[in-house]
Amino acid sequence: MFHPNGPTFFELAEQALSSTERGYDLLAPKFEYTPFRTPDWLLELVGSFLDHAGQFRSGLDLCCGTGAGLELLRPRCRERVVGIDFSQGMLDVCRQRLSAVPGDTPVELVRGNVLALPFAAAFDVTVCFGAFGHILPRDEPRFVAEIARALRPGGRFVFVTSYLPPRLSRRYVFSRFFNAAMHVRNALFAPPFVMFYLTFLLPDVDRLLRGHGFDVETRDPGLGKPWQDVRLVVATK
């Protein structure tokens, strides 16, 4: 499951029993050697859309982690690229990795909360990869409202999500089992570790985005099993 340079079982156990922020601080040095990193095919899917949309002035990567989304945005933005994450450990690794990324566009890394973004009407495009499971359902309206506030009129929020997979599928069963285990963990240990699967899904997210003033386009990239339910979503303010 993991690369030889990835975390050990005991390191993962320590991370899982920490807070979400502390857990990612601990995981950061070995994050790129885990299956939790954003897969290349997903980055290529979003990158292909951005290439056809033309170059942007500024871009924002929410929950930027070690910088996969920033690597995608930097050559496609002329003036400014910003990544925000609550884990200083992830930001430290991100800074190291971005030093080798080609491009002249300035990159800013901000330690902060995506539910209280320190920006207003500042970006033409916003992306988010692999982080929706850290947003509790009750916080999703606030999350979307903050994205809308950070985008300029006509700005786009581009991301990948899916419909709920079939209930007898391996993906559905594994996700429900994992979520149940996380609920038990959080009931027994404090502080909680917030990470759940099958979140921010269509069609609910479509209604949520439209309710915050976005025009929503959903594209089927035509992926094979087990990703046939995956969709590229482009929400325009």
Protein backbone atom coordinates (compact mmCIF):
# COMPACT_ATOMS: atom_id res chain seq x y z
CA MET A 1 0.00 0.00 0.00
CA PHE A 2 2.81 2.38 0.86
CA HIS A 3 6.15 3.22 -0.66
CA PRO A 4 9.19 1.98 1.34
CA ASN A 5 9.82 5.63 2.24
CA GLY A 6 6.28 6.09 3.46
CA PRO A 7 5.02 6.14 7.06
CA THR A 8 5.15 3.04 9.21
CA PHE A 9 2.09 1.50 10.83
CA PHE A 10 3.02 3.02 14.17
CA GLU A 11 3.52 6.47 12.61
CA LEU A 12 0.07 6.23 11.03
CA ALA A 13 -1.41 5.18 14.35
CA GLU A 14 0.15 8.21 16.05
CA GLN A 15 -1.21 10.48 13.34
CA ALA A 16 -4.68 8.96 13.53
CA LEU A 17 -4.82 9.58 17.28
CA SER A 18 -3.77 13.21 16.90
CA SER A 19 -5.88 16.20 15.90
CA THR A 20 -6.40 16.71 12.18
CA GLU A 21 -3.85 19.53 12.10
CA ARG A 22 -1.25 17.70 14.19
CA GLY A 23 -1.80 14.52 12.21
CA TYR A 24 -0.92 16.24 8.95
CA ASP A 25 2.06 17.96 10.53
CA LEU A 26 3.37 14.49 11.39
CA LEU A 27 2.49 12.98 8.01
CA ALA A 28 3.87 15.84 5.91
CA PRO A 29 7.50 14.64 5.41
CA LYS A 30 6.26 11.31 4.01
CA PHE A 31 2.97 12.40 2.46
CA GLU A 32 4.20 12.09 -1.13
CA TYR A 33 4.91 8.40 -0.50
CA THR A 34 1.34 7.59 0.54
CA PRO A 35 -1.80 6.78 -1.50
CA PHE A 36 -3.35 9.93 -0.01
CA ARG A 37 -1.49 12.20 -2.45
CA THR A 38 -3.54 13.57 -5.35
CA PRO A 39 -3.29 11.10 -8.27
CA ASP A 40 -1.76 12.32 -11.50
CA TRP A 41 -4.83 11.47 -13.57
CA LEU A 42 -6.95 13.82 -11.47
CA LEU A 43 -4.47 16.68 -11.83
CA GLU A 44 -4.32 16.09 -15.59
CA LEU A 45 -8.11 16.19 -15.78
CA VAL A 46 -8.31 19.61 -14.15
CA GLY A 47 -5.19 20.84 -15.98
CA SER A 48 -6.73 19.97 -19.34
CA PHE A 49 -9.77 22.14 -18.59
CA LEU A 50 -7.64 25.04 -17.37
CA ASP A 51 -5.56 24.90 -20.57
CA HIS A 52 -8.68 25.23 -22.70
CA ALA A 53 -10.06 28.01 -20.50
CA GLY A 54 -7.01 30.20 -21.15
CA GLN A 55 -4.52 31.79 -18.80
CA PHE A 56 -5.72 33.36 -15.56
CA ARG A 57 -4.38 36.30 -13.60
CA SER A 58 -4.50 34.70 -10.15
CA GLY A 59 -5.30 31.33 -8.63
CA LEU A 60 -6.02 29.87 -5.19
CA ASP A 61 -5.44 26.30 -4.02
CA LEU A 62 -7.60 25.43 -1.00
CA CYS A 63 -6.09 22.96 1.50
CA CYS A 64 -2.98 23.01 -0.67
CA GLY A 65 -1.08 20.33 1.25
CA THR A 66 2.29 19.63 -0.34
CA GLY A 67 1.49 21.69 -3.42
CA ALA A 68 0.11 19.49 -6.20
CA GLY A 69 -2.55 22.08 -7.05
CA LEU A 70 -0.05 24.92 -6.91
CA GLU A 71 2.17 23.13 -9.42
CA LEU A 72 -0.88 22.99 -11.65
CA LEU A 73 -1.80 26.65 -11.20
CA ARG A 74 1.58 28.35 -11.41
CA PRO A 75 2.18 28.00 -15.18
CA ARG A 76 -1.45 28.91 -15.86
CA CYS A 77 -1.60 32.14 -13.82
CA ARG A 78 0.19 35.36 -14.78
CA GLU A 79 0.27 37.43 -11.60
CA ARG A 80 -0.25 35.48 -8.38
CA VAL A 81 -0.79 32.00 -6.99
CA VAL A 82 -1.75 31.33 -3.36
CA GLY A 83 -1.99 28.12 -1.38
CA ILE A 84 -3.73 27.96 2.00
CA ASP A 85 -3.56 25.11 4.51
CA PHE A 86 -3.92 24.78 8.28
CA SER A 87 -0.92 22.43 8.64
CA GLN A 88 2.44 24.17 8.96
CA GLY A 89 4.15 20.85 8.32
CA MET A 90 2.43 20.47 4.95
CA LEU A 91 3.24 24.07 4.05
CA ASP A 92 6.92 23.52 4.89
CA VAL A 93 7.10 20.53 2.54
CA CYS A 94 5.12 22.47 -0.07
CA ARG A 95 7.65 25.31 0.03
CA GLN A 96 10.51 22.86 -0.54
CA ARG A 97 8.78 21.15 -3.45
CA LEU A 98 7.77 24.40 -5.16
CA SER A 99 11.38 25.57 -5.24
CA ALA A 100 11.87 23.12 -8.10
CA VAL A 101 8.70 24.03 -10.02
CA PRO A 102 9.37 26.08 -13.16
CA GLY A 103 7.72 29.46 -13.61
CA ASP A 104 8.06 33.07 -12.59
CA THR A 105 4.61 33.67 -11.10
CA PRO A 106 4.95 34.53 -7.39
CA VAL A 107 3.61 31.84 -5.04
CA GLU A 108 2.34 32.72 -1.56
CA LEU A 109 1.73 30.13 1.15
CA VAL A 110 -0.75 31.03 3.88
CA ARG A 111 -1.42 29.13 7.08
CA GLY A 112 -5.10 29.57 7.66
CA ASN A 113 -8.64 28.24 7.81
CA VAL A 114 -10.53 27.70 4.55
CA LEU A 115 -13.73 28.44 6.47
CA ALA A 116 -12.47 31.98 7.09
CA LEU A 117 -10.45 32.96 4.03
CA PRO A 118 -8.39 36.16 4.31
CA PHE A 119 -9.29 37.18 0.75
CA ALA A 120 -12.10 39.03 -1.00
CA ALA A 121 -12.67 39.18 -4.78
CA ALA A 122 -9.00 38.30 -5.31
CA PHE A 123 -8.90 35.26 -7.63
CA ASP A 124 -9.95 34.17 -11.11
CA VAL A 125 -9.75 30.45 -10.40
CA THR A 126 -9.87 28.31 -7.27
CA VAL A 127 -9.12 24.59 -7.01
CA CYS A 128 -9.27 22.00 -4.25
CA PHE A 129 -7.88 18.48 -4.37
CA GLY A 130 -8.59 15.62 -1.99
CA ALA A 131 -9.67 17.79 0.93
CA PHE A 132 -13.48 17.79 0.92
CA GLY A 133 -13.46 15.02 3.53
CA HIS A 134 -12.03 17.51 6.02
CA ILE A 135 -15.11 19.73 5.70
CA LEU A 136 -17.98 18.55 7.88
CA PRO A 137 -21.41 18.58 6.19
CA ARG A 138 -22.61 21.32 8.53
CA ASP A 139 -19.69 23.52 7.37
CA GLU A 140 -20.14 23.01 3.62
CA PRO A 141 -22.41 26.08 3.14
CA ARG A 142 -19.82 28.25 4.90
CA PHE A 143 -17.04 26.68 2.81
CA VAL A 144 -18.83 27.49 -0.45
CA ALA A 145 -19.71 31.00 0.76
CA GLU A 146 -16.02 31.67 1.47
CA ILE A 147 -15.04 30.46 -2.01
CA ALA A 148 -17.64 32.76 -3.56
CA ARG A 149 -16.29 35.68 -1.53
CA ALA A 150 -12.68 34.98 -2.58
CA LEU A 151 -13.49 34.84 -6.32
CA ARG A 152 -13.87 37.80 -8.63
CA PRO A 153 -17.08 38.05 -10.67
CA GLY A 154 -16.72 35.48 -13.45
CA GLY A 155 -14.18 33.52 -11.40
CA ARG A 156 -14.31 29.73 -11.42
CA PHE A 157 -14.18 27.06 -8.77
CA VAL A 158 -12.90 23.93 -10.52
CA PHE A 159 -12.85 20.55 -8.80
CA VAL A 160 -13.54 16.86 -9.18
CA THR A 161 -16.21 14.96 -7.28
CA SER A 162 -18.63 12.14 -8.02
CA TYR A 163 -22.11 10.79 -7.53
CA LEU A 164 -22.70 8.30 -4.74
CA PRO A 165 -21.25 4.98 -5.92
CA PRO A 166 -23.46 1.86 -6.05
CA ARG A 167 -24.22 0.56 -2.56
CA LEU A 168 -22.78 -2.87 -3.30
CA SER A 169 -19.58 -1.51 -4.85
CA ARG A 170 -16.22 -1.95 -3.15
CA ARG A 171 -15.72 1.81 -3.02
CA TYR A 172 -19.04 2.39 -1.25
CA VAL A 173 -18.53 -0.40 1.31
CA PHE A 174 -14.95 0.63 2.10
CA SER A 175 -15.93 4.29 2.46
CA ARG A 176 -18.81 3.54 4.81
CA PHE A 177 -16.62 1.25 6.91
CA PHE A 178 -13.89 3.91 7.11
CA ASN A 179 -16.40 6.62 8.08
CA ALA A 180 -17.87 4.40 10.80
CA ALA A 181 -14.38 3.77 12.18
CA MET A 182 -13.69 7.53 12.23
CA HIS A 183 -16.92 8.20 14.14
CA VAL A 184 -15.93 5.58 16.73
CA ARG A 185 -12.41 7.02 16.97
CA ASN A 186 -13.74 10.54 17.52
CA ALA A 187 -16.20 9.31 20.14
CA LEU A 188 -13.39 7.68 22.11
CA PHE A 189 -10.51 10.09 21.65
CA ALA A 190 -10.06 13.86 21.70
CA PRO A 191 -9.29 16.00 19.83
CA PRO A 192 -11.16 14.66 16.80
CA PHE A 193 -9.58 13.75 13.48
CA VAL A 194 -11.85 14.98 10.70
CA MET A 195 -11.52 12.88 7.55
CA PHE A 196 -14.48 11.23 5.86
CA TYR A 197 -15.22 9.77 2.43
CA LEU A 198 -18.28 10.24 0.21
CA THR A 199 -18.55 13.95 0.96
CA PHE A 200 -19.29 16.99 -1.23
CA LEU A 201 -21.07 14.74 -3.74
CA LEU A 202 -23.39 15.41 -6.64
CA PRO A 203 -26.23 16.28 -6.94
CA ASP A 204 -26.24 17.94 -3.50
CA VAL A 205 -23.13 20.01 -4.20
CA ASP A 206 -24.72 21.31 -7.41
CA ARG A 207 -27.67 22.68 -5.42
CA LEU A 208 -25.33 24.09 -2.77
CA LEU A 209 -23.23 25.97 -5.33
CA ARG A 210 -26.27 27.34 -7.17
CA GLY A 211 -27.69 28.49 -3.85
CA HIS A 212 -24.57 30.65 -3.40
CA GLY A 213 -24.85 32.29 -6.80
CA PHE A 214 -22.75 29.99 -8.98
CA ASP A 215 -23.55 28.77 -12.46
CA VAL A 216 -22.61 25.08 -12.46
CA GLU A 217 -21.38 22.92 -15.32
CA THR A 218 -20.81 19.21 -14.74
CA ARG A 219 -18.64 17.30 -17.22
CA ASP A 220 -18.32 13.55 -17.60
CA PRO A 221 -14.64 12.78 -18.38
CA GLY A 222 -15.55 9.25 -19.46
CA LEU A 223 -13.38 7.39 -16.97
CA GLY A 224 -13.57 3.62 -16.68
CA LYS A 225 -14.35 1.54 -13.63
CA PRO A 226 -14.20 2.16 -10.71
CA TRP A 227 -14.27 5.91 -11.47
CA GLN A 228 -17.23 6.03 -13.86
CA ASP A 229 -19.15 8.25 -11.41
CA VAL A 230 -16.41 10.91 -11.30
CA ARG A 231 -17.28 14.34 -12.71
CA LEU A 232 -15.38 17.55 -13.38
CA VAL A 233 -17.33 20.46 -11.94
CA VAL A 234 -16.86 24.06 -13.07
CA ALA A 235 -18.72 26.56 -10.89
CA THR A 236 -18.67 30.14 -12.21
CA LYS A 237 -19.44 33.09 -9.96
